Amino acid sequence: NGNVEETTLYYIIRDHDRDKFEEKKRKLMKVAEYLNDDIGEK
């Protein structure tokens, strides 16, 4: 939900394998970091 000023995404992350589960969480955080760097602000 959201608009130009603010948007919120709600995800659930799932995996039976614990290592793959942790990697999925890291991947989502890396996407956030990349876009913040690309935009130039957090």
All heavy atoms as atom14 arrays in JSON, in Angstrom:
{
  "sequence": "NGNVEETTLYYIIRDHDRDKFEEKKRKLMKVAEYLNDDIGEK",
  "atom14_mask": [
    [1, 1, 1, 1, 1, 1, 1, 1, 0, 0, 0, 0, 0, 0],
    [1, 1, 1, 1, 0, 0, 0, 0, 0, 0, 0, 0, 0, 0],
    [1, 1, 1, 1, 1, 1, 1, 1, 0, 0, 0, 0, 0, 0],
    [1, 1, 1, 1, 1, 1, 1, 0, 0, 0, 0, 0, 0, 0],
    [1, 1, 1, 1, 1, 1, 1, 1, 1, 0, 0, 0, 0, 0],
    [1, 1, 1, 1, 1, 1, 1, 1, 1, 0, 0, 0, 0, 0],
    [1, 1, 1, 1, 1, 1, 1, 0, 0, 0, 0, 0, 0, 0],
    [1, 1, 1, 1, 1, 1, 1, 0, 0, 0, 0, 0, 0, 0],
    [1, 1, 1, 1, 1, 1, 1, 1, 0, 0, 0, 0, 0, 0],
    [1, 1, 1, 1, 1, 1, 1, 1, 1, 1, 1, 1, 0, 0],
    [1, 1, 1, 1, 1, 1, 1, 1, 1, 1, 1, 1, 0, 0],
    [1, 1, 1, 1, 1, 1, 1, 1, 0, 0, 0, 0, 0, 0],
    [1, 1, 1, 1, 1, 1, 1, 1, 0, 0, 0, 0, 0, 0],
    [1, 1, 1, 1, 1, 1, 1, 1, 1, 1, 1, 0, 0, 0],
    [1, 1, 1, 1, 1, 1, 1, 1, 0, 0, 0, 0, 0, 0],
    [1, 1, 1, 1, 1, 1, 1, 1, 1, 1, 0, 0, 0, 0],
    [1, 1, 1, 1, 1, 1, 1, 1, 0, 0, 0, 0, 0, 0],
    [1, 1, 1, 1, 1, 1, 1, 1, 1, 1, 1, 0, 0, 0],
    [1, 1, 1, 1, 1, 1, 1, 1, 0, 0, 0, 0, 0, 0],
    [1, 1, 1, 1, 1, 1, 1, 1, 1, 0, 0, 0, 0, 0],
    [1, 1, 1, 1, 1, 1, 1, 1, 1, 1, 1, 0, 0, 0],
    [1, 1, 1, 1, 1, 1, 1, 1, 1, 0, 0, 0, 0, 0],
    [1, 1, 1, 1, 1, 1, 1, 1, 1, 0, 0, 0, 0, 0],
    [1, 1, 1, 1, 1, 1, 1, 1, 1, 0, 0, 0, 0, 0],
    [1, 1, 1, 1, 1, 1, 1, 1, 1, 0, 0, 0, 0, 0],
    [1, 1, 1, 1, 1, 1, 1, 1, 1, 1, 1, 0, 0, 0],
    [1, 1, 1, 1, 1, 1, 1, 1, 1, 0, 0, 0, 0, 0],
    [1, 1, 1, 1, 1, 1, 1, 1, 0, 0, 0, 0, 0, 0],
    [1, 1, 1, 1, 1, 1, 1, 1, 0, 0, 0, 0, 0, 0],
    [1, 1, 1, 1, 1, 1, 1, 1, 1, 0, 0, 0, 0, 0],
    [1, 1, 1, 1, 1, 1, 1, 0, 0, 0, 0, 0, 0, 0],
    [1, 1, 1, 1, 1, 0, 0, 0, 0, 0, 0, 0, 0, 0],
    [1, 1, 1, 1, 1, 1, 1, 1, 1, 0, 0, 0, 0, 0],
    [1, 1, 1, 1, 1, 1, 1, 1, 1, 1, 1, 1, 0, 0],
    [1, 1, 1, 1, 1, 1, 1, 1, 0, 0, 0, 0, 0, 0],
    [1, 1, 1, 1, 1, 1, 1, 1, 0, 0, 0, 0, 0, 0],
    [1, 1, 1, 1, 1, 1, 1, 1, 0, 0, 0, 0, 0, 0],
    [1, 1, 1, 1, 1, 1, 1, 1, 0, 0, 0, 0, 0, 0],
    [1, 1, 1, 1, 1, 1, 1, 1, 0, 0, 0, 0, 0, 0],
    [1, 1, 1, 1, 0, 0, 0, 0, 0, 0, 0, 0, 0, 0],
    [1, 1, 1, 1, 1, 1, 1, 1, 1, 0, 0, 0, 0, 0],
    [1, 1, 1, 1, 1, 1, 1, 1, 1, 0, 0, 0, 0, 0]
  ],
  "atom14_positions": [
    [[0.86, -1.19, 0.0], [0.0, 0.0, 0.0], [0.89, 1.23, 0.0], [2.03, 1.2, 0.47], [-0.95, 0.01, 1.21], [-0.22, -0.08, 2.53], [0.42, 0.87, 2.96], [-0.34, -1.23, 3.2], [0.0, 0.0, 0.0], [0.0, 0.0, 0.0], [0.0, 0.0, 0.0], [0.0, 0.0, 0.0], [0.0, 0.0, 0.0], [0.0, 0.0, 0.0]],
    [[0.36, 2.3, -0.57], [1.16, 3.52, -0.57], [0.76, 4.52, -1.62], [-0.25, 4.39, -2.31], [0.0, 0.0, 0.0], [0.0, 0.0, 0.0], [0.0, 0.0, 0.0], [0.0, 0.0, 0.0], [0.0, 0.0, 0.0], [0.0, 0.0, 0.0], [0.0, 0.0, 0.0], [0.0, 0.0, 0.0], [0.0, 0.0, 0.0], [0.0, 0.0, 0.0]],
    [[1.6, 5.54, -1.75], [1.44, 6.62, -2.72], [2.82, 7.15, -3.05], [3.83, 6.53, -2.69], [0.52, 7.72, -2.15], [0.94, 8.14, -0.75], [2.14, 8.24, -0.46], [-0.04, 8.36, 0.13], [0.0, 0.0, 0.0], [0.0, 0.0, 0.0], [0.0, 0.0, 0.0], [0.0, 0.0, 0.0], [0.0, 0.0, 0.0], [0.0, 0.0, 0.0]],
    [[2.87, 8.26, -3.72], [4.18, 8.8, -4.11], [5.06, 9.06, -2.89], [6.25, 8.75, -2.87], [4.02, 10.1, -4.93], [5.38, 10.76, -5.18], [3.32, 9.82, -6.25], [0.0, 0.0, 0.0], [0.0, 0.0, 0.0], [0.0, 0.0, 0.0], [0.0, 0.0, 0.0], [0.0, 0.0, 0.0], [0.0, 0.0, 0.0], [0.0, 0.0, 0.0]],
    [[4.46, 9.57, -1.84], [5.21, 9.97, -0.65], [5.75, 8.79, 0.15], [6.86, 8.84, 0.66], [4.31, 10.83, 0.26], [5.04, 11.51, 1.41], [5.91, 12.68, 0.96], [5.65, 13.25, -0.13], [6.85, 13.0, 1.69], [0.0, 0.0, 0.0], [0.0, 0.0, 0.0], [0.0, 0.0, 0.0], [0.0, 0.0, 0.0], [0.0, 0.0, 0.0]],
    [[4.96, 7.72, 0.24], [5.41, 6.58, 1.03], [4.7, 5.31, 0.59], [3.48, 5.3, 0.39], [5.14, 6.82, 2.52], [5.67, 5.72, 3.43], [5.52, 6.07, 4.9], [6.27, 6.96, 5.37], [4.67, 5.47, 5.57], [0.0, 0.0, 0.0], [0.0, 0.0, 0.0], [0.0, 0.0, 0.0], [0.0, 0.0, 0.0], [0.0, 0.0, 0.0]],
    [[5.47, 4.24, 0.45], [4.91, 2.93, 0.09], [5.5, 1.87, 1.0], [6.69, 1.91, 1.34], [5.23, 2.58, -1.38], [4.63, 3.56, -2.24], [4.7, 1.2, -1.76], [0.0, 0.0, 0.0], [0.0, 0.0, 0.0], [0.0, 0.0, 0.0], [0.0, 0.0, 0.0], [0.0, 0.0, 0.0], [0.0, 0.0, 0.0], [0.0, 0.0, 0.0]],
    [[4.67, 0.92, 1.4], [5.12, -0.17, 2.26], [4.81, -1.52, 1.6], [3.69, -1.75, 1.13], [4.45, -0.11, 3.64], [4.69, 1.19, 4.21], [5.03, -1.18, 4.56], [0.0, 0.0, 0.0], [0.0, 0.0, 0.0], [0.0, 0.0, 0.0], [0.0, 0.0, 0.0], [0.0, 0.0, 0.0], [0.0, 0.0, 0.0], [0.0, 0.0, 0.0]],
    [[5.83, -2.37, 1.56], [5.69, -3.73, 1.03], [5.79, -4.7, 2.21], [6.64, -4.54, 3.09], [6.82, -4.05, 0.04], [7.01, -3.1, -1.14], [8.35, -3.37, -1.8], [5.9, -3.3, -2.14], [0.0, 0.0, 0.0], [0.0, 0.0, 0.0], [0.0, 0.0, 0.0], [0.0, 0.0, 0.0], [0.0, 0.0, 0.0], [0.0, 0.0, 0.0]],
    [[4.93, -5.72, 2.21], [4.95, -6.73, 3.25], [5.26, -8.09, 2.63], [4.51, -8.58, 1.78], [3.6, -6.79, 3.98], [3.23, -5.51, 4.69], [2.54, -4.5, 4.03], [3.58, -5.3, 6.02], [2.19, -3.32, 4.67], [3.24, -4.14, 6.68], [2.55, -3.14, 6.01], [2.22, -1.97, 6.65], [0.0, 0.0, 0.0], [0.0, 0.0, 0.0]],
    [[6.36, -8.69, 3.04], [6.8, -9.98, 2.5], [6.81, -11.04, 3.59], [7.04, -10.74, 4.77], [8.22, -9.89, 1.95], [8.39, -9.11, 0.68], [8.67, -7.75, 0.71], [8.28, -9.74, -0.57], [8.84, -7.03, -0.47], [8.44, -9.03, -1.74], [8.72, -7.68, -1.69], [8.89, -6.97, -2.85], [0.0, 0.0, 0.0], [0.0, 0.0, 0.0]],
    [[6.58, -12.29, 3.16], [6.99, -13.42, 3.99], [8.06, -14.18, 3.22], [8.02, -14.27, 1.99], [5.81, -14.34, 4.39], [5.11, -14.94, 3.16], [4.83, -13.58, 5.26], [4.07, -15.98, 3.52], [0.0, 0.0, 0.0], [0.0, 0.0, 0.0], [0.0, 0.0, 0.0], [0.0, 0.0, 0.0], [0.0, 0.0, 0.0], [0.0, 0.0, 0.0]],
    [[9.03, -14.7, 3.95], [10.18, -15.41, 3.37], [10.18, -16.82, 3.92], [10.07, -17.01, 5.15], [11.49, -14.68, 3.73], [11.44, -13.23, 3.25], [12.69, -15.42, 3.14], [12.51, -12.35, 3.86], [0.0, 0.0, 0.0], [0.0, 0.0, 0.0], [0.0, 0.0, 0.0], [0.0, 0.0, 0.0], [0.0, 0.0, 0.0], [0.0, 0.0, 0.0]],
    [[10.31, -17.82, 3.04], [10.19, -19.21, 3.47], [11.23, -20.09, 2.79], [11.52, -19.94, 1.61], [8.8, -19.76, 3.12], [7.62, -18.98, 3.72], [7.52, -19.21, 5.2], [6.31, -18.67, 5.81], [6.25, -17.49, 6.43], [7.33, -16.73, 6.5], [5.12, -17.1, 6.98], [0.0, 0.0, 0.0], [0.0, 0.0, 0.0], [0.0, 0.0, 0.0]],
    [[11.78, -21.05, 3.55], [12.61, -22.11, 2.98], [12.8, -23.21, 4.01], [12.95, -22.92, 5.2], [13.98, -21.58, 2.53], [14.54, -22.42, 1.39], [14.86, -23.61, 1.62], [14.64, -21.91, 0.27], [0.0, 0.0, 0.0], [0.0, 0.0, 0.0], [0.0, 0.0, 0.0], [0.0, 0.0, 0.0], [0.0, 0.0, 0.0], [0.0, 0.0, 0.0]],
    [[12.77, -24.47, 3.57], [12.99, -25.58, 4.49], [14.46, -25.67, 4.92], [14.76, -26.04, 6.05], [12.57, -26.91, 3.83], [11.09, -27.07, 3.72], [10.39, -26.69, 2.6], [10.17, -27.54, 4.6], [9.11, -26.94, 2.79], [8.93, -27.45, 3.98], [0.0, 0.0, 0.0], [0.0, 0.0, 0.0], [0.0, 0.0, 0.0], [0.0, 0.0, 0.0]],
    [[15.36, -25.34, 4.01], [16.79, -25.4, 4.29], [17.22, -24.13, 5.02], [17.01, -23.02, 4.53], [17.56, -25.55, 2.98], [19.04, -25.7, 3.19], [19.72, -24.67, 3.39], [19.53, -26.84, 3.16], [0.0, 0.0, 0.0], [0.0, 0.0, 0.0], [0.0, 0.0, 0.0], [0.0, 0.0, 0.0], [0.0, 0.0, 0.0], [0.0, 0.0, 0.0]],
    [[17.84, -24.29, 6.18], [18.19, -23.12, 7.0], [19.19, -22.22, 6.3], [19.09, -20.97, 6.37], [18.73, -23.59, 8.36], [18.99, -22.46, 9.36], [17.72, -21.73, 9.75], [17.97, -20.71, 10.75], [17.85, -20.9, 12.05], [17.49, -22.08, 12.54], [18.1, -19.92, 12.9], [0.0, 0.0, 0.0], [0.0, 0.0, 0.0], [0.0, 0.0, 0.0]],
    [[20.19, -22.79, 5.61], [21.17, -21.97, 4.92], [20.53, -21.16, 3.79], [20.83, -19.97, 3.62], [22.3, -22.84, 4.37], [23.17, -23.43, 5.47], [23.18, -22.87, 6.59], [23.83, -24.46, 5.21], [0.0, 0.0, 0.0], [0.0, 0.0, 0.0], [0.0, 0.0, 0.0], [0.0, 0.0, 0.0], [0.0, 0.0, 0.0], [0.0, 0.0, 0.0]],
    [[19.66, -21.81, 3.03], [18.98, -21.1, 1.94], [18.04, -20.02, 2.49], [17.87, -18.96, 1.9], [18.19, -22.09, 1.08], [19.08, -23.03, 0.28], [18.23, -24.0, -0.54], [19.13, -24.94, -1.35], [18.33, -25.93, -2.13], [0.0, 0.0, 0.0], [0.0, 0.0, 0.0], [0.0, 0.0, 0.0], [0.0, 0.0, 0.0], [0.0, 0.0, 0.0]],
    [[17.44, -20.31, 3.63], [16.57, -19.33, 4.3], [17.35, -18.08, 4.67], [16.93, -16.94, 4.39], [15.98, -20.0, 5.54], [15.23, -19.09, 6.47], [14.06, -18.46, 6.07], [15.69, -18.89, 7.77], [13.35, -17.64, 6.95], [15.0, -18.08, 8.66], [13.83, -17.46, 8.24], [0.0, 0.0, 0.0], [0.0, 0.0, 0.0], [0.0, 0.0, 0.0]],
    [[18.53, -18.28, 5.27], [19.35, -17.13, 5.66], [19.82, -16.35, 4.43], [19.9, -15.12, 4.46], [20.55, -17.6, 6.48], [20.18, -18.27, 7.81], [19.48, -17.32, 8.77], [19.65, -16.09, 8.63], [18.78, -17.82, 9.68], [0.0, 0.0, 0.0], [0.0, 0.0, 0.0], [0.0, 0.0, 0.0], [0.0, 0.0, 0.0], [0.0, 0.0, 0.0]],
    [[20.12, -17.07, 3.35], [20.55, -16.41, 2.11], [19.42, -15.57, 1.53], [19.66, -14.47, 1.0], [21.02, -17.44, 1.09], [21.47, -16.86, -0.24], [22.56, -15.8, -0.1], [23.41, -15.92, 0.8], [22.53, -14.84, -0.91], [0.0, 0.0, 0.0], [0.0, 0.0, 0.0], [0.0, 0.0, 0.0], [0.0, 0.0, 0.0], [0.0, 0.0, 0.0]],
    [[18.19, -16.06, 1.6], [17.05, -15.28, 1.1], [16.91, -13.97, 1.87], [16.65, -12.9, 1.29], [15.76, -16.1, 1.21], [15.57, -17.11, 0.08], [14.24, -17.86, 0.21], [13.93, -18.63, -1.06], [14.95, -19.6, -1.43], [0.0, 0.0, 0.0], [0.0, 0.0, 0.0], [0.0, 0.0, 0.0], [0.0, 0.0, 0.0], [0.0, 0.0, 0.0]],
    [[17.08, -14.05, 3.18], [16.99, -12.83, 3.98], [18.1, -11.84, 3.6], [17.85, -10.63, 3.49], [17.06, -13.17, 5.47], [15.86, -13.94, 5.99], [15.83, -14.01, 7.5], [16.98, -14.79, 8.07], [16.97, -14.82, 9.55], [0.0, 0.0, 0.0], [0.0, 0.0, 0.0], [0.0, 0.0, 0.0], [0.0, 0.0, 0.0], [0.0, 0.0, 0.0]],
    [[19.31, -12.38, 3.41], [20.43, -11.49, 3.02], [20.16, -10.86, 1.66], [20.47, -9.68, 1.44], [21.73, -12.29, 2.99], [22.29, -12.63, 4.36], [23.72, -13.12, 4.29], [23.82, -14.43, 3.64], [23.74, -15.59, 4.29], [23.56, -15.61, 5.6], [23.84, -16.72, 3.64], [0.0, 0.0, 0.0], [0.0, 0.0, 0.0], [0.0, 0.0, 0.0]],
    [[19.6, -11.64, 0.74], [19.32, -11.13, -0.6], [18.36, -9.94, -0.53], [18.59, -8.91, -1.19], [18.7, -12.24, -1.45], [18.19, -11.81, -2.82], [19.29, -11.47, -3.78], [18.75, -11.2, -5.17], [19.8, -10.84, -6.13], [0.0, 0.0, 0.0], [0.0, 0.0, 0.0], [0.0, 0.0, 0.0], [0.0, 0.0, 0.0], [0.0, 0.0, 0.0]],
    [[17.32, -10.06, 0.25], [16.36, -8.96, 0.35], [17.02, -7.71, 0.93], [16.8, -6.59, 0.44], [15.17, -9.4, 1.22], [13.98, -8.45, 1.24], [12.66, -9.23, 1.25], [14.03, -7.53, 2.47], [0.0, 0.0, 0.0], [0.0, 0.0, 0.0], [0.0, 0.0, 0.0], [0.0, 0.0, 0.0], [0.0, 0.0, 0.0], [0.0, 0.0, 0.0]],
    [[17.88, -7.88, 1.92], [18.57, -6.74, 2.5], [19.54, -6.1, 1.51], [19.68, -4.88, 1.45], [19.33, -7.18, 3.75], [18.44, -7.65, 4.9], [17.3, -6.39, 5.52], [18.45, -5.18, 6.15], [0.0, 0.0, 0.0], [0.0, 0.0, 0.0], [0.0, 0.0, 0.0], [0.0, 0.0, 0.0], [0.0, 0.0, 0.0], [0.0, 0.0, 0.0]],
    [[20.19, -6.94, 0.69], [21.13, -6.42, -0.31], [20.41, -5.59, -1.36], [20.95, -4.59, -1.85], [21.88, -7.57, -0.96], [22.94, -8.22, -0.08], [23.6, -9.39, -0.78], [24.64, -10.06, 0.11], [25.23, -11.27, -0.54], [0.0, 0.0, 0.0], [0.0, 0.0, 0.0], [0.0, 0.0, 0.0], [0.0, 0.0, 0.0], [0.0, 0.0, 0.0]],
    [[19.2, -5.98, -1.73], [18.42, -5.2, -2.69], [18.14, -3.82, -2.12], [18.28, -2.8, -2.81], [17.11, -5.93, -3.06], [16.19, -5.0, -3.86], [17.41, -7.19, -3.86], [0.0, 0.0, 0.0], [0.0, 0.0, 0.0], [0.0, 0.0, 0.0], [0.0, 0.0, 0.0], [0.0, 0.0, 0.0], [0.0, 0.0, 0.0], [0.0, 0.0, 0.0]],
    [[17.76, -3.78, -0.84], [17.51, -2.49, -0.2], [18.76, -1.63, -0.17], [18.72, -0.42, -0.48], [16.98, -2.71, 1.22], [0.0, 0.0, 0.0], [0.0, 0.0, 0.0], [0.0, 0.0, 0.0], [0.0, 0.0, 0.0], [0.0, 0.0, 0.0], [0.0, 0.0, 0.0], [0.0, 0.0, 0.0], [0.0, 0.0, 0.0], [0.0, 0.0, 0.0]],
    [[19.88, -2.22, 0.17], [21.15, -1.49, 0.21], [21.53, -0.96, -1.17], [21.97, 0.2, -1.31], [22.26, -2.38, 0.75], [22.1, -2.75, 2.22], [23.06, -3.84, 2.66], [23.95, -4.19, 1.85], [22.93, -4.36, 3.79], [0.0, 0.0, 0.0], [0.0, 0.0, 0.0], [0.0, 0.0, 0.0], [0.0, 0.0, 0.0], [0.0, 0.0, 0.0]],
    [[21.35, -1.8, -2.19], [21.71, -1.39, -3.55], [20.87, -0.19, -3.99], [21.41, 0.79, -4.55], [21.5, -2.56, -4.51], [21.63, -2.15, -5.97], [22.88, -2.05, -6.57], [20.49, -1.84, -6.72], [22.99, -1.65, -7.89], [20.6, -1.44, -8.04], [21.85, -1.35, -8.63], [21.97, -0.95, -9.93], [0.0, 0.0, 0.0], [0.0, 0.0, 0.0]],
    [[19.57, -0.24, -3.75], [18.7, 0.85, -4.21], [18.97, 2.13, -3.43], [18.93, 3.23, -4.0], [17.23, 0.43, -4.09], [16.77, -0.62, -5.11], [15.35, -1.07, -4.82], [16.86, -0.08, -6.53], [0.0, 0.0, 0.0], [0.0, 0.0, 0.0], [0.0, 0.0, 0.0], [0.0, 0.0, 0.0], [0.0, 0.0, 0.0], [0.0, 0.0, 0.0]],
    [[19.24, 2.01, -2.15], [19.59, 3.2, -1.37], [20.85, 3.85, -1.93], [20.93, 5.08, -2.07], [19.79, 2.85, 0.1], [18.47, 2.72, 0.85], [17.47, 3.33, 0.49], [18.47, 1.92, 1.91], [0.0, 0.0, 0.0], [0.0, 0.0, 0.0], [0.0, 0.0, 0.0], [0.0, 0.0, 0.0], [0.0, 0.0, 0.0], [0.0, 0.0, 0.0]],
    [[21.86, 3.02, -2.25], [23.1, 3.54, -2.82], [22.83, 4.17, -4.19], [23.4, 5.23, -4.53], [24.13, 2.42, -2.97], [24.68, 1.96, -1.63], [24.51, 2.7, -0.64], [25.27, 0.86, -1.58], [0.0, 0.0, 0.0], [0.0, 0.0, 0.0], [0.0, 0.0, 0.0], [0.0, 0.0, 0.0], [0.0, 0.0, 0.0], [0.0, 0.0, 0.0]],
    [[21.99, 3.51, -4.99], [21.7, 4.0, -6.34], [20.97, 5.35, -6.3], [21.26, 6.24, -7.1], [20.86, 2.96, -7.08], [20.65, 3.32, -8.53], [21.65, 3.51, -9.25], [19.48, 3.41, -8.96], [0.0, 0.0, 0.0], [0.0, 0.0, 0.0], [0.0, 0.0, 0.0], [0.0, 0.0, 0.0], [0.0, 0.0, 0.0], [0.0, 0.0, 0.0]],
    [[20.06, 5.51, -5.34], [19.29, 6.74, -5.22], [20.14, 7.84, -4.58], [19.95, 9.03, -4.85], [18.01, 6.49, -4.41], [17.09, 5.55, -5.21], [17.28, 7.79, -4.08], [15.98, 4.95, -4.39], [0.0, 0.0, 0.0], [0.0, 0.0, 0.0], [0.0, 0.0, 0.0], [0.0, 0.0, 0.0], [0.0, 0.0, 0.0], [0.0, 0.0, 0.0]],
    [[21.08, 7.44, -3.75], [21.96, 8.41, -3.13], [21.53, 8.84, -1.75], [22.16, 9.72, -1.15], [0.0, 0.0, 0.0], [0.0, 0.0, 0.0], [0.0, 0.0, 0.0], [0.0, 0.0, 0.0], [0.0, 0.0, 0.0], [0.0, 0.0, 0.0], [0.0, 0.0, 0.0], [0.0, 0.0, 0.0], [0.0, 0.0, 0.0], [0.0, 0.0, 0.0]],
    [[20.48, 8.26, -1.25], [20.06, 8.52, 0.13], [19.25, 7.32, 0.63], [18.75, 6.51, -0.15], [19.24, 9.8, 0.24], [18.0, 9.84, -0.63], [17.28, 11.18, -0.52], [16.61, 11.4, 0.52], [17.4, 11.99, -1.46], [0.0, 0.0, 0.0], [0.0, 0.0, 0.0], [0.0, 0.0, 0.0], [0.0, 0.0, 0.0], [0.0, 0.0, 0.0]],
    [[19.12, 7.23, 1.96], [18.45, 6.07, 2.53], [16.94, 6.3, 2.54], [16.37, 6.86, 3.47], [18.95, 5.8, 3.95], [18.45, 4.48, 4.52], [19.06, 4.19, 5.88], [18.57, 2.84, 6.42], [19.18, 2.52, 7.73], [0.0, 0.0, 0.0], [0.0, 0.0, 0.0], [0.0, 0.0, 0.0], [0.0, 0.0, 0.0], [0.0, 0.0, 0.0]]
  ]
}
